[in-house]
N, C-alpha and C. Protein backbone atom coordinates (compact mmCIF):
# COMPACT_ATOMS: atom_id res chain seq x y z
N MET A 1 -67.36 17.74 26.23
CA MET A 1 -66.39 17.11 25.33
C MET A 1 -67.06 15.94 24.60
N ALA A 2 -66.83 15.86 23.30
CA ALA A 2 -67.38 14.78 22.49
C ALA A 2 -66.86 13.43 22.99
N LYS A 3 -67.75 12.46 23.05
CA LYS A 3 -67.34 11.13 23.55
C LYS A 3 -67.13 10.17 22.38
N SER A 4 -66.21 9.23 22.60
CA SER A 4 -65.88 8.27 21.54
C SER A 4 -65.86 6.85 22.11
N ALA A 5 -66.03 5.89 21.22
CA ALA A 5 -65.97 4.49 21.61
C ALA A 5 -65.03 3.75 20.67
N VAL A 6 -64.40 2.72 21.18
CA VAL A 6 -63.62 1.80 20.35
C VAL A 6 -64.42 0.50 20.25
N ILE A 7 -64.65 0.04 19.02
CA ILE A 7 -65.30 -1.24 18.79
C ILE A 7 -64.24 -2.21 18.28
N ILE A 8 -63.95 -3.23 19.08
CA ILE A 8 -62.94 -4.23 18.70
C ILE A 8 -63.66 -5.40 18.03
N LEU A 9 -63.32 -5.66 16.78
CA LEU A 9 -63.94 -6.75 16.03
C LEU A 9 -63.12 -8.02 16.22
N ALA A 10 -63.69 -8.98 16.96
CA ALA A 10 -62.96 -10.22 17.26
C ALA A 10 -63.89 -11.43 17.17
N ALA A 11 -64.85 -11.38 16.22
CA ALA A 11 -65.86 -12.43 16.14
C ALA A 11 -65.58 -13.45 15.05
N GLY A 12 -64.56 -13.22 14.23
CA GLY A 12 -64.35 -14.02 13.03
C GLY A 12 -64.03 -15.49 13.28
N SER A 13 -64.20 -16.26 12.21
CA SER A 13 -63.99 -17.71 12.28
C SER A 13 -62.55 -18.13 12.02
N SER A 14 -61.68 -17.18 11.65
CA SER A 14 -60.26 -17.47 11.40
C SER A 14 -60.07 -18.61 10.40
N VAL A 15 -60.87 -18.59 9.34
CA VAL A 15 -60.85 -19.67 8.35
C VAL A 15 -59.47 -19.85 7.74
N ARG A 16 -58.85 -18.75 7.34
CA ARG A 16 -57.54 -18.83 6.70
C ARG A 16 -56.44 -19.26 7.67
N PHE A 17 -56.65 -18.96 8.94
CA PHE A 17 -55.64 -19.30 9.94
C PHE A 17 -55.75 -20.76 10.37
N GLY A 18 -56.98 -21.27 10.46
CA GLY A 18 -57.16 -22.68 10.79
C GLY A 18 -57.49 -22.97 12.24
N SER A 19 -57.40 -21.97 13.11
CA SER A 19 -57.77 -22.09 14.53
C SER A 19 -58.05 -20.68 15.02
N PRO A 20 -58.65 -20.52 16.22
CA PRO A 20 -59.00 -19.16 16.67
C PRO A 20 -57.76 -18.27 16.81
N LYS A 21 -57.54 -17.42 15.82
CA LYS A 21 -56.33 -16.59 15.85
C LYS A 21 -56.39 -15.53 16.95
N GLN A 22 -57.61 -15.28 17.45
CA GLN A 22 -57.74 -14.32 18.55
C GLN A 22 -56.87 -14.72 19.74
N LEU A 23 -56.64 -16.03 19.88
CA LEU A 23 -55.90 -16.53 21.05
C LEU A 23 -54.43 -16.83 20.75
N VAL A 24 -54.00 -16.52 19.54
CA VAL A 24 -52.59 -16.71 19.20
C VAL A 24 -51.74 -15.78 20.06
N GLU A 25 -50.66 -16.30 20.61
CA GLU A 25 -49.81 -15.49 21.48
C GLU A 25 -48.65 -14.89 20.71
N LEU A 26 -48.40 -13.64 21.00
CA LEU A 26 -47.26 -12.93 20.44
C LEU A 26 -46.68 -12.09 21.56
N GLU A 27 -45.39 -12.25 21.81
CA GLU A 27 -44.72 -11.54 22.90
C GLU A 27 -45.44 -11.76 24.23
N GLY A 28 -45.86 -13.00 24.47
CA GLY A 28 -46.41 -13.38 25.76
C GLY A 28 -47.86 -13.01 26.03
N LYS A 29 -48.57 -12.56 24.98
CA LYS A 29 -49.96 -12.15 25.19
C LYS A 29 -50.77 -12.52 23.95
N ASN A 30 -52.01 -13.00 24.15
CA ASN A 30 -52.80 -13.34 22.97
C ASN A 30 -53.30 -12.06 22.27
N LEU A 31 -53.62 -12.21 20.99
CA LEU A 31 -53.92 -11.05 20.14
C LEU A 31 -55.11 -10.24 20.66
N VAL A 32 -56.17 -10.93 21.07
CA VAL A 32 -57.35 -10.18 21.50
C VAL A 32 -57.09 -9.45 22.81
N GLN A 33 -56.27 -10.04 23.70
CA GLN A 33 -55.93 -9.34 24.94
C GLN A 33 -55.11 -8.08 24.66
N THR A 34 -54.20 -8.18 23.70
CA THR A 34 -53.43 -6.99 23.31
C THR A 34 -54.36 -5.89 22.83
N ALA A 35 -55.33 -6.26 21.98
CA ALA A 35 -56.29 -5.27 21.46
C ALA A 35 -57.11 -4.66 22.59
N ILE A 36 -57.59 -5.50 23.50
CA ILE A 36 -58.37 -5.01 24.64
C ILE A 36 -57.55 -4.05 25.49
N ASP A 37 -56.33 -4.44 25.81
CA ASP A 37 -55.48 -3.61 26.67
C ASP A 37 -55.19 -2.26 26.04
N GLU A 38 -54.88 -2.25 24.75
CA GLU A 38 -54.57 -0.98 24.09
C GLU A 38 -55.80 -0.09 24.01
N ALA A 39 -56.95 -0.68 23.73
CA ALA A 39 -58.19 0.11 23.69
C ALA A 39 -58.53 0.64 25.07
N ASN A 40 -58.38 -0.21 26.09
CA ASN A 40 -58.67 0.23 27.47
C ASN A 40 -57.72 1.34 27.93
N ASP A 41 -56.49 1.32 27.42
CA ASP A 41 -55.50 2.33 27.79
C ASP A 41 -55.67 3.64 27.01
N SER A 42 -56.52 3.62 26.01
CA SER A 42 -56.71 4.81 25.18
C SER A 42 -57.61 5.83 25.87
N ASN A 43 -57.77 6.98 25.22
CA ASN A 43 -58.63 8.04 25.76
C ASN A 43 -60.10 7.86 25.39
N ALA A 44 -60.43 6.74 24.74
CA ALA A 44 -61.83 6.50 24.38
C ALA A 44 -62.68 6.38 25.64
N ASP A 45 -63.91 6.85 25.56
CA ASP A 45 -64.81 6.81 26.71
C ASP A 45 -65.39 5.42 26.93
N TYR A 46 -65.54 4.68 25.84
CA TYR A 46 -66.11 3.33 25.92
C TYR A 46 -65.29 2.37 25.06
N VAL A 47 -65.28 1.11 25.49
CA VAL A 47 -64.65 0.05 24.70
C VAL A 47 -65.66 -1.10 24.59
N LEU A 48 -65.93 -1.52 23.36
CA LEU A 48 -66.86 -2.61 23.11
C LEU A 48 -66.12 -3.72 22.38
N LEU A 49 -66.21 -4.93 22.91
CA LEU A 49 -65.56 -6.09 22.30
C LEU A 49 -66.62 -6.98 21.69
N VAL A 50 -66.53 -7.19 20.37
CA VAL A 50 -67.51 -8.03 19.67
C VAL A 50 -66.91 -9.42 19.45
N LEU A 51 -67.53 -10.42 20.09
CA LEU A 51 -67.10 -11.81 19.93
C LEU A 51 -68.18 -12.60 19.19
N GLY A 52 -67.77 -13.74 18.64
CA GLY A 52 -68.71 -14.62 17.94
C GLY A 52 -68.19 -16.03 17.99
N ASN A 53 -67.36 -16.38 17.01
CA ASN A 53 -66.77 -17.72 16.97
C ASN A 53 -65.86 -17.95 18.18
N SER A 54 -65.97 -19.14 18.77
CA SER A 54 -65.10 -19.54 19.91
C SER A 54 -65.17 -18.56 21.08
N SER A 55 -66.33 -17.92 21.26
CA SER A 55 -66.43 -16.87 22.30
C SER A 55 -66.18 -17.41 23.71
N SER A 56 -66.69 -18.61 24.01
CA SER A 56 -66.50 -19.17 25.36
C SER A 56 -65.03 -19.41 25.64
N GLU A 57 -64.34 -19.97 24.65
CA GLU A 57 -62.91 -20.26 24.80
C GLU A 57 -62.11 -18.96 24.97
N ILE A 58 -62.49 -17.95 24.20
CA ILE A 58 -61.79 -16.66 24.28
C ILE A 58 -62.01 -16.01 25.65
N LEU A 59 -63.25 -16.04 26.12
CA LEU A 59 -63.58 -15.39 27.40
C LEU A 59 -62.82 -16.01 28.57
N GLU A 60 -62.50 -17.30 28.45
CA GLU A 60 -61.75 -17.96 29.52
C GLU A 60 -60.31 -17.45 29.60
N LYS A 61 -59.83 -16.84 28.51
CA LYS A 61 -58.42 -16.50 28.43
C LYS A 61 -58.14 -15.01 28.29
N VAL A 62 -59.15 -14.18 28.56
CA VAL A 62 -58.92 -12.73 28.50
C VAL A 62 -59.44 -12.04 29.74
N ASN A 63 -58.89 -10.87 29.99
CA ASN A 63 -59.37 -9.99 31.04
C ASN A 63 -59.99 -8.78 30.36
N LEU A 64 -61.29 -8.60 30.51
CA LEU A 64 -61.99 -7.53 29.79
C LEU A 64 -61.67 -6.14 30.32
N GLY A 65 -61.30 -6.04 31.60
CA GLY A 65 -61.10 -4.71 32.17
C GLY A 65 -62.38 -3.90 32.04
N ARG A 66 -62.27 -2.71 31.44
CA ARG A 66 -63.46 -1.85 31.31
C ARG A 66 -64.24 -2.12 30.02
N ALA A 67 -63.78 -3.05 29.21
CA ALA A 67 -64.45 -3.34 27.94
C ALA A 67 -65.80 -4.03 28.17
N GLN A 68 -66.77 -3.63 27.37
CA GLN A 68 -68.10 -4.23 27.43
C GLN A 68 -68.18 -5.33 26.37
N LEU A 69 -68.73 -6.47 26.73
CA LEU A 69 -68.80 -7.62 25.81
C LEU A 69 -70.08 -7.60 25.01
N LEU A 70 -69.95 -7.82 23.70
CA LEU A 70 -71.10 -8.00 22.82
C LEU A 70 -70.93 -9.34 22.11
N PHE A 71 -72.03 -10.07 21.94
CA PHE A 71 -71.96 -11.33 21.19
C PHE A 71 -72.70 -11.18 19.88
N ASN A 72 -72.00 -11.42 18.78
CA ASN A 72 -72.59 -11.34 17.45
C ASN A 72 -72.96 -12.74 16.98
N LYS A 73 -74.25 -13.06 17.06
CA LYS A 73 -74.67 -14.41 16.68
C LYS A 73 -74.67 -14.61 15.16
N TYR A 74 -74.51 -13.52 14.44
CA TYR A 74 -74.49 -13.61 12.97
C TYR A 74 -73.07 -13.52 12.41
N PHE A 75 -72.07 -13.85 13.22
CA PHE A 75 -70.67 -13.65 12.83
C PHE A 75 -70.29 -14.35 11.53
N GLU A 76 -70.99 -15.47 11.23
CA GLU A 76 -70.66 -16.21 10.01
C GLU A 76 -71.02 -15.44 8.74
N GLN A 77 -71.82 -14.38 8.89
CA GLN A 77 -72.21 -13.57 7.73
C GLN A 77 -71.11 -12.58 7.32
N GLY A 78 -70.05 -12.48 8.11
CA GLY A 78 -68.95 -11.60 7.74
C GLY A 78 -68.75 -10.43 8.68
N ILE A 79 -67.72 -9.66 8.41
CA ILE A 79 -67.30 -8.58 9.32
C ILE A 79 -68.34 -7.48 9.46
N ALA A 80 -69.15 -7.28 8.40
CA ALA A 80 -70.18 -6.23 8.46
C ALA A 80 -71.15 -6.48 9.61
N SER A 81 -71.44 -7.76 9.89
CA SER A 81 -72.38 -8.07 10.98
C SER A 81 -71.80 -7.68 12.33
N SER A 82 -70.48 -7.78 12.48
CA SER A 82 -69.84 -7.39 13.75
C SER A 82 -69.81 -5.87 13.90
N ILE A 83 -69.57 -5.17 12.79
CA ILE A 83 -69.61 -3.70 12.83
C ILE A 83 -71.02 -3.25 13.24
N LYS A 84 -72.02 -3.89 12.64
CA LYS A 84 -73.42 -3.55 12.95
C LYS A 84 -73.72 -3.83 14.42
N SER A 85 -73.22 -4.94 14.93
CA SER A 85 -73.43 -5.29 16.34
C SER A 85 -72.87 -4.22 17.26
N GLY A 86 -71.66 -3.74 16.93
CA GLY A 86 -71.05 -2.68 17.73
C GLY A 86 -71.80 -1.37 17.66
N ILE A 87 -72.13 -0.95 16.44
CA ILE A 87 -72.77 0.35 16.23
C ILE A 87 -74.16 0.41 16.87
N THR A 88 -74.92 -0.67 16.78
CA THR A 88 -76.28 -0.65 17.34
C THR A 88 -76.27 -0.69 18.87
N ASN A 89 -75.13 -1.02 19.46
CA ASN A 89 -75.05 -1.07 20.93
C ASN A 89 -74.20 0.06 21.51
N ILE A 90 -73.84 1.02 20.68
CA ILE A 90 -72.97 2.09 21.15
C ILE A 90 -73.78 3.05 22.03
N PRO A 91 -73.19 3.57 23.11
CA PRO A 91 -73.93 4.51 23.96
C PRO A 91 -74.40 5.75 23.18
N ASP A 92 -75.57 6.24 23.54
CA ASP A 92 -76.19 7.35 22.81
C ASP A 92 -75.37 8.63 22.83
N ASP A 93 -74.52 8.79 23.86
CA ASP A 93 -73.79 10.06 23.97
C ASP A 93 -72.48 10.05 23.18
N CYS A 94 -72.25 8.99 22.39
CA CYS A 94 -71.02 8.92 21.58
C CYS A 94 -71.19 9.71 20.29
N SER A 95 -70.17 10.47 19.94
CA SER A 95 -70.20 11.21 18.67
C SER A 95 -69.33 10.55 17.62
N SER A 96 -68.59 9.50 18.00
CA SER A 96 -67.76 8.80 17.02
C SER A 96 -67.42 7.40 17.53
N ALA A 97 -67.06 6.53 16.57
CA ALA A 97 -66.66 5.17 16.92
C ALA A 97 -65.42 4.80 16.12
N ILE A 98 -64.44 4.22 16.81
CA ILE A 98 -63.26 3.69 16.14
C ILE A 98 -63.49 2.21 15.87
N ILE A 99 -63.41 1.83 14.60
CA ILE A 99 -63.55 0.43 14.22
C ILE A 99 -62.15 -0.17 14.18
N MET A 100 -61.91 -1.12 15.07
CA MET A 100 -60.58 -1.69 15.28
C MET A 100 -60.64 -3.21 15.14
N VAL A 101 -59.69 -3.79 14.44
CA VAL A 101 -59.63 -5.26 14.34
C VAL A 101 -58.70 -5.79 15.44
N ALA A 102 -58.89 -7.06 15.76
CA ALA A 102 -58.18 -7.63 16.92
C ALA A 102 -56.89 -8.34 16.56
N ASP A 103 -56.45 -8.23 15.30
CA ASP A 103 -55.26 -9.00 14.91
C ASP A 103 -54.12 -8.12 14.42
N GLN A 104 -54.03 -6.89 14.96
CA GLN A 104 -52.91 -6.00 14.66
C GLN A 104 -52.09 -5.82 15.94
N PRO A 105 -51.16 -6.73 16.22
CA PRO A 105 -50.50 -6.75 17.52
C PRO A 105 -49.58 -5.57 17.81
N PHE A 106 -49.22 -4.79 16.80
CA PHE A 106 -48.32 -3.66 17.05
C PHE A 106 -49.05 -2.31 17.06
N LEU A 107 -50.38 -2.36 16.98
CA LEU A 107 -51.18 -1.14 17.12
C LEU A 107 -51.24 -0.77 18.59
N ARG A 108 -51.05 0.51 18.90
CA ARG A 108 -50.98 0.94 20.30
C ARG A 108 -52.04 2.00 20.62
N SER A 109 -52.22 2.23 21.90
CA SER A 109 -53.22 3.20 22.35
C SER A 109 -52.95 4.60 21.82
N ASN A 110 -51.67 4.95 21.62
CA ASN A 110 -51.39 6.30 21.10
C ASN A 110 -51.91 6.49 19.67
N HIS A 111 -51.99 5.40 18.90
CA HIS A 111 -52.57 5.49 17.56
C HIS A 111 -54.07 5.76 17.65
N LEU A 112 -54.73 5.10 18.60
CA LEU A 112 -56.16 5.35 18.82
C LEU A 112 -56.39 6.78 19.31
N ASN A 113 -55.51 7.23 20.20
CA ASN A 113 -55.62 8.59 20.72
C ASN A 113 -55.46 9.64 19.61
N ALA A 114 -54.59 9.34 18.65
CA ALA A 114 -54.38 10.27 17.53
C ALA A 114 -55.67 10.42 16.72
N LEU A 115 -56.40 9.33 16.54
CA LEU A 115 -57.68 9.39 15.83
C LEU A 115 -58.68 10.26 16.60
N ILE A 116 -58.75 10.02 17.91
CA ILE A 116 -59.69 10.78 18.75
C ILE A 116 -59.36 12.26 18.75
N GLN A 117 -58.08 12.58 18.89
CA GLN A 117 -57.64 13.97 18.92
C GLN A 117 -57.96 14.68 17.61
N GLU A 118 -57.69 14.00 16.51
CA GLU A 118 -57.96 14.61 15.20
C GLU A 118 -59.45 14.80 14.97
N SER A 119 -60.26 13.86 15.46
CA SER A 119 -61.72 13.98 15.25
C SER A 119 -62.29 15.18 16.00
N ARG A 120 -61.64 15.57 17.10
CA ARG A 120 -62.11 16.75 17.84
C ARG A 120 -61.80 18.03 17.08
N LYS A 121 -60.74 17.98 16.27
CA LYS A 121 -60.42 19.13 15.41
C LYS A 121 -61.28 19.14 14.15
N SER A 122 -61.70 17.94 13.73
CA SER A 122 -62.46 17.81 12.47
C SER A 122 -63.76 17.05 12.72
N PRO A 123 -64.67 17.63 13.53
CA PRO A 123 -65.91 16.91 13.85
C PRO A 123 -66.73 16.62 12.59
N GLY A 124 -67.36 15.44 12.59
CA GLY A 124 -68.18 15.08 11.44
C GLY A 124 -67.42 14.44 10.30
N LYS A 125 -66.09 14.34 10.45
CA LYS A 125 -65.25 13.76 9.41
C LYS A 125 -64.80 12.35 9.79
N ILE A 126 -64.65 11.48 8.78
CA ILE A 126 -63.97 10.21 9.01
C ILE A 126 -62.49 10.50 9.20
N VAL A 127 -61.88 9.83 10.16
CA VAL A 127 -60.44 9.95 10.37
C VAL A 127 -59.84 8.55 10.28
N ALA A 128 -58.82 8.41 9.45
CA ALA A 128 -58.21 7.09 9.25
C ALA A 128 -56.71 7.17 9.38
N LEU A 129 -56.13 6.13 9.96
CA LEU A 129 -54.68 5.98 9.88
C LEU A 129 -54.33 5.60 8.45
N ALA A 130 -53.15 5.99 8.01
CA ALA A 130 -52.75 5.70 6.63
C ALA A 130 -51.27 5.38 6.57
N TYR A 131 -50.93 4.59 5.56
CA TYR A 131 -49.53 4.29 5.26
C TYR A 131 -49.30 4.59 3.78
N LYS A 132 -48.40 5.54 3.53
CA LYS A 132 -48.12 6.00 2.16
C LYS A 132 -49.40 6.42 1.45
N GLY A 133 -50.25 7.14 2.19
CA GLY A 133 -51.47 7.71 1.60
C GLY A 133 -52.64 6.75 1.48
N GLU A 134 -52.43 5.48 1.84
CA GLU A 134 -53.50 4.49 1.73
C GLU A 134 -54.16 4.28 3.09
N PRO A 135 -55.49 4.38 3.17
CA PRO A 135 -56.17 4.18 4.46
C PRO A 135 -55.99 2.76 4.99
N ARG A 136 -55.79 2.66 6.27
CA ARG A 136 -55.64 1.36 6.94
C ARG A 136 -56.52 1.33 8.18
N ASN A 137 -56.66 0.15 8.76
CA ASN A 137 -57.34 0.04 10.06
C ASN A 137 -56.42 0.51 11.16
N PRO A 138 -56.97 1.11 12.22
CA PRO A 138 -58.38 1.40 12.45
C PRO A 138 -58.82 2.73 11.83
N VAL A 139 -60.15 2.91 11.77
CA VAL A 139 -60.71 4.17 11.28
C VAL A 139 -61.73 4.68 12.29
N LEU A 140 -61.87 5.99 12.35
CA LEU A 140 -62.87 6.61 13.23
C LEU A 140 -64.01 7.13 12.36
N ILE A 141 -65.23 6.71 12.71
CA ILE A 141 -66.42 7.09 11.96
C ILE A 141 -67.29 8.00 12.82
N PRO A 142 -67.67 9.18 12.30
CA PRO A 142 -68.54 10.07 13.09
C PRO A 142 -69.98 9.55 13.14
N LYS A 143 -70.70 9.98 14.16
CA LYS A 143 -72.07 9.50 14.40
C LYS A 143 -72.97 9.72 13.19
N GLU A 144 -72.70 10.79 12.44
CA GLU A 144 -73.53 11.12 11.27
C GLU A 144 -73.51 10.00 10.23
N LEU A 145 -72.50 9.15 10.27
CA LEU A 145 -72.36 8.07 9.27
C LEU A 145 -72.63 6.67 9.85
N PHE A 146 -73.09 6.61 11.10
CA PHE A 146 -73.36 5.30 11.70
C PHE A 146 -74.38 4.52 10.87
N ALA A 147 -75.40 5.21 10.35
CA ALA A 147 -76.44 4.53 9.56
C ALA A 147 -75.84 3.85 8.34
N LYS A 148 -74.81 4.48 7.75
CA LYS A 148 -74.16 3.87 6.58
C LYS A 148 -73.38 2.62 6.97
N LEU A 149 -72.81 2.62 8.17
CA LEU A 149 -72.13 1.41 8.64
C LEU A 149 -73.12 0.25 8.79
N GLU A 150 -74.33 0.58 9.20
CA GLU A 150 -75.34 -0.46 9.39
C GLU A 150 -75.82 -1.04 8.07
N GLU A 151 -75.52 -0.36 6.97
CA GLU A 151 -75.93 -0.84 5.64
C GLU A 151 -74.90 -1.80 5.03
N LEU A 152 -73.71 -1.91 5.65
CA LEU A 152 -72.67 -2.78 5.10
C LEU A 152 -73.13 -4.24 5.13
N LYS A 153 -72.62 -5.02 4.17
CA LYS A 153 -73.03 -6.42 4.10
C LYS A 153 -71.81 -7.33 3.90
N GLY A 154 -71.93 -8.58 4.38
CA GLY A 154 -70.90 -9.59 4.15
C GLY A 154 -69.56 -9.20 4.75
N ASP A 155 -68.52 -9.35 3.94
CA ASP A 155 -67.17 -9.02 4.41
C ASP A 155 -66.75 -7.61 4.04
N GLU A 156 -67.72 -6.75 3.85
CA GLU A 156 -67.46 -5.35 3.53
C GLU A 156 -67.21 -4.60 4.84
N GLY A 157 -66.00 -4.11 5.00
CA GLY A 157 -65.68 -3.38 6.22
C GLY A 157 -65.83 -1.88 6.03
N ALA A 158 -65.30 -1.12 6.97
CA ALA A 158 -65.46 0.34 6.93
C ALA A 158 -64.64 0.99 5.82
N ARG A 159 -63.68 0.24 5.24
CA ARG A 159 -62.80 0.84 4.23
C ARG A 159 -63.59 1.37 3.03
N SER A 160 -64.66 0.65 2.65
CA SER A 160 -65.45 1.10 1.50
C SER A 160 -66.08 2.47 1.78
N LEU A 161 -66.47 2.69 3.02
CA LEU A 161 -67.03 3.97 3.42
C LEU A 161 -65.96 5.05 3.41
N VAL A 162 -64.77 4.70 3.90
CA VAL A 162 -63.65 5.64 3.91
C VAL A 162 -63.35 6.12 2.49
N ARG A 163 -63.38 5.19 1.54
CA ARG A 163 -63.04 5.52 0.15
C ARG A 163 -64.14 6.34 -0.52
N SER A 164 -65.39 6.15 -0.10
CA SER A 164 -66.51 6.82 -0.78
C SER A 164 -66.81 8.21 -0.22
N GLU A 165 -66.40 8.47 1.01
CA GLU A 165 -66.72 9.76 1.64
C GLU A 165 -65.65 10.81 1.31
N LEU A 166 -66.09 11.96 0.90
CA LEU A 166 -65.16 13.06 0.63
C LEU A 166 -64.73 13.69 1.95
N GLY A 167 -63.52 14.18 1.97
CA GLY A 167 -63.06 14.91 3.15
C GLY A 167 -62.54 14.06 4.28
N THR A 168 -62.27 12.78 4.00
CA THR A 168 -61.67 11.93 5.04
C THR A 168 -60.30 12.49 5.42
N VAL A 169 -60.05 12.54 6.73
CA VAL A 169 -58.77 13.05 7.23
C VAL A 169 -57.84 11.86 7.47
N PHE A 170 -56.64 11.93 6.90
CA PHE A 170 -55.68 10.83 7.07
C PHE A 170 -54.57 11.23 8.04
N ILE A 171 -54.22 10.29 8.89
CA ILE A 171 -53.06 10.46 9.78
C ILE A 171 -51.99 9.50 9.29
N GLU A 172 -50.95 10.04 8.71
CA GLU A 172 -49.90 9.22 8.12
C GLU A 172 -49.03 8.58 9.21
N ILE A 173 -48.90 7.27 9.16
CA ILE A 173 -48.05 6.52 10.09
C ILE A 173 -46.89 5.94 9.28
N PRO A 174 -45.66 6.36 9.53
CA PRO A 174 -44.54 5.92 8.69
C PRO A 174 -44.10 4.48 8.92
N ASP A 175 -44.50 3.89 10.04
CA ASP A 175 -44.05 2.53 10.38
C ASP A 175 -45.07 1.50 9.90
N ALA A 176 -44.75 0.79 8.83
CA ALA A 176 -45.67 -0.19 8.25
C ALA A 176 -46.01 -1.31 9.23
N ARG A 177 -45.13 -1.57 10.19
CA ARG A 177 -45.34 -2.66 11.14
C ARG A 177 -46.62 -2.47 11.95
N VAL A 178 -46.99 -1.23 12.18
CA VAL A 178 -48.21 -0.93 12.94
C VAL A 178 -49.42 -1.62 12.31
N PHE A 179 -49.39 -1.76 10.99
CA PHE A 179 -50.55 -2.31 10.28
C PHE A 179 -50.42 -3.81 9.97
N SER A 180 -49.37 -4.43 10.47
CA SER A 180 -49.21 -5.87 10.26
C SER A 180 -50.35 -6.61 10.95
N ASP A 181 -50.92 -7.58 10.24
CA ASP A 181 -51.98 -8.36 10.87
C ASP A 181 -51.70 -9.86 10.71
N VAL A 182 -52.38 -10.63 11.52
CA VAL A 182 -52.20 -12.08 11.52
C VAL A 182 -53.34 -12.69 10.72
N ASP A 183 -53.04 -13.14 9.51
CA ASP A 183 -54.05 -13.74 8.64
C ASP A 183 -53.83 -15.24 8.48
N THR A 184 -52.56 -15.62 8.41
CA THR A 184 -52.20 -17.02 8.18
C THR A 184 -51.09 -17.42 9.15
N LYS A 185 -50.79 -18.70 9.20
CA LYS A 185 -49.70 -19.17 10.06
C LYS A 185 -48.37 -18.54 9.62
N ASP A 186 -48.19 -18.37 8.29
CA ASP A 186 -46.96 -17.75 7.79
C ASP A 186 -46.82 -16.31 8.25
N SER A 187 -47.92 -15.57 8.24
CA SER A 187 -47.85 -14.17 8.68
C SER A 187 -47.51 -14.10 10.16
N LEU A 188 -47.97 -15.08 10.94
CA LEU A 188 -47.63 -15.13 12.37
C LEU A 188 -46.12 -15.32 12.55
N VAL A 189 -45.56 -16.26 11.79
CA VAL A 189 -44.11 -16.52 11.89
C VAL A 189 -43.33 -15.23 11.57
N ASN A 190 -43.76 -14.51 10.54
CA ASN A 190 -43.08 -13.27 10.16
C ASN A 190 -43.20 -12.23 11.27
N LEU A 191 -44.37 -12.14 11.90
CA LEU A 191 -44.56 -11.18 12.98
C LEU A 191 -43.73 -11.55 14.20
N GLN A 192 -43.62 -12.84 14.45
CA GLN A 192 -42.78 -13.28 15.59
C GLN A 192 -41.33 -12.86 15.37
N LYS A 193 -40.88 -12.92 14.13
CA LYS A 193 -39.51 -12.45 13.81
C LYS A 193 -39.41 -10.94 14.00
N ASP A 194 -40.47 -10.22 13.58
CA ASP A 194 -40.49 -8.76 13.74
C ASP A 194 -40.43 -8.38 15.21
N GLY A 195 -41.23 -9.11 16.02
CA GLY A 195 -41.29 -8.80 17.44
C GLY A 195 -39.98 -9.03 18.14
N ALA A 196 -39.16 -9.93 17.60
CA ALA A 196 -37.89 -10.25 18.22
C ALA A 196 -36.80 -9.23 17.91
N ARG A 197 -37.09 -8.33 16.97
CA ARG A 197 -36.07 -7.34 16.57
C ARG A 197 -35.83 -6.29 17.66
């Protein structure tokens, strides 16, 4: 059976937020712990957590479980450096990697499992979650395209690759809340209201 890994990107400086948003609590759990738990609960064979900014503070407040820790010393160069850190440390027997951000508190393990399941039907293809036909995070990248991920620079994420590759498979998710992320203090307040519904 083809093996897959989840790479959780949690190295950012949270410039727009103003403090380490990885540790912001929503529904009694900080954002990065939610991401770790959902990835650990998924059917992925490996989970890699990429930290950078405030890594010591974050490590004091999370339980890694089966997740493997990676430290990206180049985190200030942008998200591409964290993707590269994950891809270059992925186990050799992996045929795909899910690139996942750590600030989508309503993303669940079943969404990750849907990517893995679809990739087994469509080997060699990028598989992305989508809302109204638009690709969103997370995305699954096949091993054949890992080299292209390593070519990304600055704040260029996997989305540019998703848009440039023909034959990307989309999994439509009708609930926009799944893709809500915490970028600013205002977005956090809105998510807290959503979570209370």
